[in-house]
């Protein structure tokens, strides 16, 4: 409970007395604060001696600055611009805070279910302008308070001026509230998007800077084969694993990228996984054991390491007894795995369930 001392200057925020001539913004001096009954006796500058019963709806606040004079700070163009700037900053901070609280109950660690899926849905809704998603995001609301009371509180908190609000014209009050509201809503939506980018990421980091639309020759991106796409629960494209590499060329519209040895090893292992899965399906279909290897080789290339060299055996696949390619690393130890042979493409990192390779920070992409 706020304690008021004799001699302290206060401003009236509201009163429950319907007959008083006092109005919000009137100032006075405290004579006594009866803390037991929470009643503040005030000598008002207007001559009134109405006491404030704080437990039954009356409300006052300490005066932190002198009342605005005609042509004073809030009346000057530069002073008003500064006040609006403070309102905008306060709205931005409040919007970001609201978004973080909102996210805890939506995509946070304590939320059950697939939070990555929920985050992807929210991001898609923001990008598409989906009202069902946008309306569910945090928005500024002064419900439960009158516009003047809400405005006074926000203006006082933002500027430190507890009396200036009551000296503003109606147009200025509306402008101040609009600036705060717009800053709040914009910051809340932007912060929600930032948090969703983190929650939807397979790495726990924001990887939106690696979107395929931004990847140019010489840039780092995430790559996958066109054969790797599957359909997610929302009918969206999903990719089990993406590989980090540097785009070095295009071939027939497809990407050619170089990668590190660990990424190359992961590509070889992923190809072997696909071969094993295909062999299992054939076995379940009743294909004889002595025919499994031939059928698998005819459908999927066999990749393996021979020291530092990747051996790509595609003889059965291409019906060419000489179709064995040896892929050697360049001087920096980087590999171009089946570049200009397979249909690789830069993919959205958020479509990947897993990403192999070291991702650059935003300022390094």
Protein backbone atom coordinates (compact mmCIF):
# COMPACT_ATOMS: atom_id res chain seq x y z
CA UNK A 1 0.00 0.00 0.00
CA UNK A 2 1.36 3.42 -0.98
CA UNK A 3 2.01 5.67 2.00
CA UNK A 4 1.43 9.43 1.72
CA UNK A 5 3.12 11.96 4.01
CA UNK A 6 1.92 15.33 5.22
CA UNK A 7 2.97 18.07 2.81
CA UNK A 8 3.26 15.69 -0.15
CA UNK A 9 1.84 16.92 -3.43
CA UNK A 10 -0.68 14.60 -5.14
CA UNK A 11 -2.82 14.55 -8.27
CA UNK A 12 -6.37 13.25 -8.50
CA UNK A 13 -6.76 10.26 -10.81
CA UNK A 14 -10.39 9.48 -10.03
CA UNK A 15 -12.95 9.74 -7.24
CA UNK A 16 -16.09 7.79 -6.44
CA UNK A 17 -17.86 10.92 -5.12
CA UNK A 18 -20.46 11.87 -7.77
CA UNK A 19 -21.11 15.31 -6.25
CA UNK A 20 -17.62 16.76 -5.99
CA UNK A 21 -16.42 19.46 -8.34
CA UNK A 22 -12.95 17.93 -8.35
CA UNK A 23 -11.78 16.56 -11.69
CA UNK A 24 -8.96 14.19 -12.72
CA UNK A 25 -5.74 16.18 -12.91
CA UNK A 26 -6.56 18.46 -9.97
CA UNK A 27 -3.68 18.74 -7.52
CA UNK A 28 -3.46 19.21 -3.80
CA UNK A 29 -1.38 18.79 -0.65
CA UNK A 30 -1.67 15.89 1.80
CA UNK A 31 -2.62 16.82 5.34
CA UNK A 32 -2.70 13.32 6.83
CA UNK A 33 -2.81 9.67 5.76
CA UNK A 34 -4.89 7.40 7.99
CA UNK A 35 -3.25 4.11 7.00
CA UNK A 36 -5.55 2.02 9.17
CA UNK A 37 -8.58 3.01 7.10
CA UNK A 38 -6.51 3.99 4.03
CA UNK A 39 -7.99 7.49 3.92
CA UNK A 40 -5.89 10.43 2.73
CA UNK A 41 -6.94 13.92 3.84
CA UNK A 42 -6.05 16.46 1.15
CA UNK A 43 -6.21 20.22 0.84
CA UNK A 44 -6.95 20.65 -2.83
CA UNK A 45 -5.64 23.68 -4.73
CA UNK A 46 -9.24 24.42 -5.77
CA UNK A 47 -10.21 24.91 -2.11
CA UNK A 48 -11.88 21.52 -1.65
CA UNK A 49 -10.98 19.42 1.39
CA UNK A 50 -12.48 16.16 0.11
CA UNK A 51 -10.69 13.16 1.60
CA UNK A 52 -9.72 10.20 -0.58
CA UNK A 53 -11.02 6.78 0.49
CA UNK A 54 -8.53 4.62 -1.36
CA UNK A 55 -10.22 1.34 -0.48
CA UNK A 56 -13.55 2.32 -2.02
CA UNK A 57 -12.50 3.54 -5.47
CA UNK A 58 -10.78 6.89 -4.97
CA UNK A 59 -7.36 7.14 -6.55
CA UNK A 60 -4.53 9.65 -6.33
CA UNK A 61 -0.87 9.64 -7.32
CA UNK A 62 2.25 11.49 -6.22
CA UNK A 63 3.11 14.54 -8.31
CA UNK A 64 6.50 13.87 -9.86
CA UNK A 65 6.76 16.99 -12.02
CA UNK A 66 5.24 20.42 -12.02
CA UNK A 67 1.95 20.77 -13.90
CA UNK A 68 2.43 21.64 -17.59
CA UNK A 69 2.17 25.36 -18.23
CA UNK A 70 0.71 26.88 -21.41
CA UNK A 71 3.37 26.57 -24.06
CA UNK A 72 5.36 24.30 -21.77
CA UNK A 73 7.09 21.03 -22.57
CA UNK A 74 4.12 19.02 -23.80
CA UNK A 75 2.87 22.08 -25.69
CA UNK A 76 6.10 22.51 -27.66
CA UNK A 77 6.68 20.55 -30.86
CA UNK A 78 10.00 19.12 -29.68
CA UNK A 79 8.62 18.31 -26.24
CA UNK A 80 5.57 16.59 -27.68
CA UNK A 81 7.72 14.60 -30.10
CA UNK A 82 9.85 13.46 -27.16
CA UNK A 83 6.74 12.45 -25.20
CA UNK A 84 5.48 10.41 -28.16
CA UNK A 85 8.88 8.80 -28.52
CA UNK A 86 8.73 7.72 -24.88
CA UNK A 87 5.22 6.37 -25.39
CA UNK A 88 6.43 4.40 -28.41
CA UNK A 89 9.38 2.98 -26.48
CA UNK A 90 7.13 2.01 -23.57
CA UNK A 91 4.63 0.36 -25.93
CA UNK A 92 7.41 -1.58 -27.61
CA UNK A 93 8.77 -2.86 -24.30
CA UNK A 94 5.31 -3.83 -23.06
CA UNK A 95 4.48 -5.59 -26.32
CA UNK A 96 7.67 -7.66 -26.22
CA UNK A 97 7.00 -8.62 -22.60
CA UNK A 98 3.42 -9.64 -23.43
CA UNK A 99 4.66 -11.79 -26.32
CA UNK A 100 7.12 -13.62 -24.08
CA UNK A 101 4.41 -14.39 -21.51
CA UNK A 102 2.06 -15.47 -24.30
CA UNK A 103 4.70 -17.76 -25.80
CA UNK A 104 5.18 -19.62 -22.52
CA UNK A 105 1.62 -20.94 -22.79
CA UNK A 106 1.74 -21.49 -26.55
CA UNK A 107 5.15 -22.71 -27.72
CA UNK A 108 7.13 -22.84 -24.48
CA UNK A 109 8.81 -25.84 -22.93
CA UNK A 110 5.97 -26.37 -20.47
CA UNK A 111 3.40 -26.73 -23.29
CA UNK A 112 2.43 -30.26 -24.28
CA UNK A 113 2.32 -31.53 -27.83
CA UNK A 114 4.48 -30.67 -30.83
CA UNK A 115 5.61 -27.10 -30.15
CA UNK A 116 7.63 -27.02 -33.37
CA UNK A 117 4.47 -27.75 -35.32
CA UNK A 118 2.57 -25.08 -33.39
CA UNK A 119 5.35 -22.55 -34.05
CA UNK A 120 5.35 -23.36 -37.78
CA UNK A 121 1.59 -22.86 -37.92
CA UNK A 122 1.86 -19.48 -36.22
CA UNK A 123 4.66 -18.35 -38.55
CA UNK A 124 2.64 -19.43 -41.57
CA UNK A 125 -0.40 -17.59 -40.25
CA UNK A 126 1.59 -14.38 -39.68
CA UNK A 127 3.09 -14.60 -43.18
CA UNK A 128 -0.32 -15.23 -44.76
CA UNK A 129 -2.14 -12.65 -42.67
CA UNK A 130 -4.48 -15.35 -41.36
CA UNK A 131 -7.03 -13.62 -39.06
CA UNK A 132 -7.44 -16.77 -36.96
CA UNK A 133 -3.73 -16.60 -36.09
CA UNK A 134 -3.33 -12.83 -35.91
CA UNK A 135 -6.36 -12.38 -33.65
CA UNK A 136 -4.90 -14.89 -31.18
CA UNK A 137 -1.67 -12.93 -30.76
CA UNK A 138 -1.19 -10.47 -27.88
CA UNK A 139 -2.82 -7.09 -28.53
CA UNK A 140 -2.98 -3.95 -26.44
CA UNK A 141 -6.15 -3.71 -24.39
CA UNK A 142 -7.28 -1.27 -21.73
CA UNK A 143 -10.34 -3.34 -20.81
CA UNK A 144 -11.53 -2.67 -17.30
CA UNK A 145 -10.16 0.88 -17.24
CA UNK A 146 -11.55 4.08 -18.70
CA UNK A 147 -9.55 5.50 -21.59
CA UNK A 148 -8.46 8.48 -19.48
CA UNK A 149 -7.32 6.34 -16.55
CA UNK A 150 -5.46 3.91 -18.80
CA UNK A 151 -3.92 6.80 -20.73
CA UNK A 152 -2.86 8.60 -17.58
CA UNK A 153 -1.15 5.49 -16.22
CA UNK A 154 0.66 4.75 -19.48
CA UNK A 155 1.69 8.37 -20.01
CA UNK A 156 2.89 8.73 -16.43
CA UNK A 157 4.91 5.50 -16.60
CA UNK A 158 6.42 6.39 -19.99
CA UNK A 159 7.28 10.05 -19.34
CA UNK A 160 7.50 10.21 -15.55
CA UNK A 161 4.99 13.08 -15.66
CA UNK A 162 1.96 12.28 -13.49
CA UNK A 163 0.09 15.49 -14.30
CA UNK A 164 0.95 16.12 -17.94
CA UNK A 165 -1.76 13.81 -19.26
CA UNK A 166 -4.52 16.01 -17.89
CA UNK A 167 -3.06 19.05 -19.63
CA UNK A 168 -3.22 17.44 -23.05
CA UNK A 169 -5.85 18.18 -25.64
CA UNK A 170 -8.16 15.31 -26.63
CA UNK A 171 -6.36 15.05 -29.98
CA UNK A 172 -3.01 14.70 -28.20
CA UNK A 173 -4.38 12.03 -25.86
CA UNK A 174 -5.70 10.06 -28.84
CA UNK A 175 -2.37 10.42 -30.64
CA UNK A 176 -0.39 9.27 -27.60
CA UNK A 177 -2.62 6.22 -27.15
CA UNK A 178 -2.44 5.36 -30.87
CA UNK A 179 1.37 5.53 -30.79
CA UNK A 180 1.51 3.29 -27.72
CA UNK A 181 -1.03 0.83 -29.14
CA UNK A 182 0.70 0.55 -32.53
CA UNK A 183 4.11 0.09 -30.92
CA UNK A 184 2.73 -2.54 -28.54
CA UNK A 185 0.98 -4.57 -31.25
CA UNK A 186 3.90 -4.36 -33.69
CA UNK A 187 6.46 -5.35 -31.07
CA UNK A 188 4.27 -8.20 -29.83
CA UNK A 189 3.85 -9.66 -33.31
CA UNK A 190 7.55 -9.25 -34.13
CA UNK A 191 8.60 -10.87 -30.85
CA UNK A 192 6.15 -13.75 -31.36
CA UNK A 193 7.69 -14.33 -34.79
CA UNK A 194 11.21 -14.29 -33.29
CA UNK A 195 10.22 -16.80 -30.61
CA UNK A 196 8.44 -19.01 -33.15
CA UNK A 197 11.54 -18.99 -35.35
CA UNK A 198 13.47 -20.36 -32.38
CA UNK A 199 10.80 -22.91 -31.43
CA UNK A 200 10.29 -24.11 -35.00
CA UNK A 201 13.99 -24.43 -35.71
CA UNK A 202 15.50 -27.92 -35.76
CA UNK A 203 18.62 -26.40 -34.19
CA UNK A 204 17.01 -24.20 -31.52
CA UNK A 205 18.37 -21.12 -33.28
CA UNK A 206 16.80 -18.61 -35.64
CA UNK A 207 17.71 -19.86 -39.13
CA UNK A 208 15.37 -17.64 -41.14
CA UNK A 209 18.43 -15.97 -42.72
CA UNK A 210 19.12 -19.29 -44.50
CA UNK A 211 15.82 -19.31 -46.40
CA UNK A 212 16.46 -20.58 -49.96
CA UNK A 213 15.26 -17.31 -51.48
CA UNK A 214 18.26 -15.62 -49.86
CA UNK A 215 20.91 -18.14 -50.91
CA UNK A 216 23.16 -16.95 -53.74
CA UNK A 217 26.37 -18.35 -55.23
CA UNK A 218 28.96 -18.32 -52.45
CA UNK A 219 26.35 -18.31 -49.68
CA UNK A 220 25.81 -20.95 -47.03
CA UNK A 221 22.47 -22.74 -47.22
CA UNK A 222 20.70 -25.94 -46.26
CA UNK A 223 20.36 -28.52 -49.04
CA UNK A 224 18.41 -31.70 -49.64
CA UNK A 225 17.52 -33.91 -52.58
CA UNK A 226 14.16 -33.46 -54.28
CA UNK A 227 13.48 -37.10 -53.37
CA UNK A 228 13.69 -36.30 -49.65
CA UNK A 229 10.43 -34.33 -49.41
CA UNK A 230 7.53 -35.82 -47.49
CA UNK A 231 4.15 -34.43 -46.37
CA UNK A 232 3.72 -33.14 -42.83
CA UNK A 233 0.60 -33.22 -40.63
CA UNK A 234 -0.58 -29.88 -42.07
CA UNK A 235 0.03 -30.97 -45.64
CA UNK A 236 3.25 -28.97 -45.68
CA UNK A 237 6.57 -30.13 -47.11
CA UNK A 238 8.81 -31.88 -44.62
CA UNK A 239 12.39 -33.07 -45.01
CA UNK A 240 13.92 -35.61 -42.64
CA UNK A 241 17.44 -34.20 -42.86
CA UNK A 242 19.03 -31.15 -44.47
CA UNK A 243 22.74 -30.69 -45.14
CA UNK A 244 24.70 -27.46 -44.63
CA UNK A 245 26.86 -26.43 -47.55
CA UNK A 246 28.02 -23.53 -49.71
CA UNK A 247 26.26 -22.99 -53.02
CA UNK A 248 28.89 -22.99 -55.77
CA UNK A 249 26.89 -23.46 -58.98
CA UNK A 250 23.58 -24.36 -60.60
CA UNK A 251 23.09 -27.32 -62.91
CA UNK A 252 19.90 -27.71 -64.96
CA UNK A 253 18.15 -25.59 -62.34
CA UNK A 254 19.43 -27.70 -59.45
CA UNK A 255 21.92 -26.69 -56.76
CA UNK A 256 25.57 -27.69 -56.65
CA UNK A 257 27.12 -27.21 -53.21
CA UNK A 258 30.32 -28.03 -51.37
CA UNK A 259 30.40 -29.34 -47.81
CA UNK A 260 32.70 -30.41 -45.02
CA UNK A 261 33.81 -33.99 -44.39
CA UNK A 262 31.30 -34.52 -41.51
CA UNK A 263 28.45 -33.38 -43.75
CA UNK A 264 29.69 -35.60 -46.57
CA UNK A 265 29.75 -38.54 -44.17
CA UNK A 266 26.18 -37.74 -43.17
CA UNK A 267 25.10 -37.70 -46.83
CA UNK A 268 26.71 -41.11 -47.37
CA UNK A 269 25.03 -42.45 -44.22
CA UNK A 270 21.66 -41.03 -45.27
CA UNK A 271 21.94 -42.69 -48.66
CA UNK A 272 22.70 -45.98 -46.95
CA UNK A 273 19.63 -45.45 -44.77
CA UNK A 274 17.47 -45.01 -47.85
CA UNK A 275 18.98 -48.17 -49.35
CA UNK A 276 18.27 -50.13 -46.15
CA UNK A 277 14.67 -48.86 -46.06
CA UNK A 278 14.13 -49.83 -49.68
CA UNK A 279 15.65 -53.28 -49.08
CA UNK A 280 13.28 -53.77 -46.13
CA UNK A 281 10.25 -52.85 -48.26
CA UNK A 282 11.34 -55.29 -50.97
CA UNK A 283 11.80 -58.03 -48.41
CA UNK A 284 8.30 -57.42 -47.06
CA UNK A 285 6.99 -57.66 -50.63
CA UNK A 286 8.48 -61.13 -50.91
CA UNK A 287 11.49 -60.40 -53.09
CA UNK A 288 13.97 -63.30 -52.77
CA UNK A 289 17.02 -62.62 -50.62
CA UNK A 290 19.45 -63.36 -53.45
CA UNK A 291 17.78 -60.69 -55.57
CA UNK A 292 17.62 -57.90 -52.96
CA UNK A 293 21.05 -56.37 -53.62
CA UNK A 294 20.47 -56.25 -57.38
CA UNK A 295 17.09 -54.59 -56.97
CA UNK A 296 18.44 -52.04 -54.46
CA UNK A 297 21.46 -51.22 -56.64
CA UNK A 298 19.18 -50.74 -59.63
CA UNK A 299 17.13 -48.18 -57.72
CA UNK A 300 19.62 -46.31 -55.51
CA UNK A 301 23.30 -45.46 -55.96
CA UNK A 302 25.72 -47.04 -53.49
CA UNK A 303 27.93 -44.46 -51.71
CA UNK A 304 30.88 -45.39 -49.53
CA UNK A 305 34.18 -43.97 -48.33
CA UNK A 306 37.51 -45.31 -49.50
CA UNK A 307 39.89 -43.38 -47.28
CA UNK A 308 39.26 -39.72 -48.09
CA UNK A 309 37.49 -40.55 -51.34
CA UNK A 310 33.76 -41.08 -51.77
CA UNK A 311 32.99 -43.91 -54.17
CA UNK A 312 29.65 -43.55 -55.96
CA UNK A 313 28.66 -46.84 -57.61
CA UNK A 314 25.82 -46.29 -60.07
CA UNK A 315 26.54 -49.16 -62.47
CA UNK A 316 23.29 -51.00 -61.92
CA UNK A 317 21.29 -47.77 -61.69
CA UNK A 318 22.52 -46.45 -65.05
CA UNK A 319 23.13 -49.84 -66.69
CA UNK A 320 26.68 -48.75 -67.36
CA UNK A 321 29.54 -51.02 -66.19
CA UNK A 322 31.84 -48.00 -65.96
CA UNK A 323 29.52 -45.75 -63.92
CA UNK A 324 31.71 -45.53 -60.83
CA UNK A 325 32.60 -42.02 -59.70
CA UNK A 326 35.34 -41.17 -57.23
CA UNK A 327 34.74 -37.90 -55.38
CA UNK A 328 37.88 -36.39 -53.88
CA UNK A 329 38.03 -33.43 -51.47
CA UNK A 330 39.39 -30.11 -52.64
CA UNK A 331 42.37 -28.34 -51.09
CA UNK A 332 40.20 -27.19 -48.19
CA UNK A 333 38.95 -30.71 -47.51
CA UNK A 334 35.47 -29.96 -48.90
CA UNK A 335 33.37 -32.32 -51.01
CA UNK A 336 30.89 -31.83 -53.85
CA UNK A 337 28.73 -34.91 -53.32
CA UNK A 338 27.00 -35.96 -56.53
CA UNK A 339 26.92 -32.40 -57.78
CA UNK A 340 25.66 -32.16 -61.39
CA UNK A 341 24.40 -35.74 -61.02
CA UNK A 342 21.69 -35.62 -58.36
CA UNK A 343 18.83 -33.16 -58.04
CA UNK A 344 19.87 -31.16 -55.00
CA UNK A 345 18.08 -27.96 -53.98
CA UNK A 346 18.35 -25.29 -51.32
CA UNK A 347 15.51 -25.86 -48.83
CA UNK A 348 13.81 -23.99 -46.02
CA UNK A 349 15.64 -24.96 -42.80
CA UNK A 350 12.31 -24.92 -40.96
CA UNK A 351 11.05 -27.71 -43.21
CA UNK A 352 13.84 -29.97 -41.95
CA UNK A 353 13.41 -32.27 -38.98
CA UNK A 354 17.19 -32.35 -38.57
CA UNK A 355 20.11 -30.37 -39.97
CA UNK A 356 23.68 -31.65 -40.27
CA UNK A 357 26.54 -29.16 -40.39
CA UNK A 358 27.68 -25.95 -38.76
CA UNK A 359 25.24 -23.11 -39.35
CA UNK A 360 26.54 -19.54 -39.65
CA UNK A 361 25.26 -16.79 -37.40
CA UNK A 362 22.93 -14.21 -38.89
CA UNK A 363 25.69 -11.66 -39.44
CA UNK A 364 27.87 -14.30 -41.15
CA UNK A 365 25.29 -15.62 -43.61
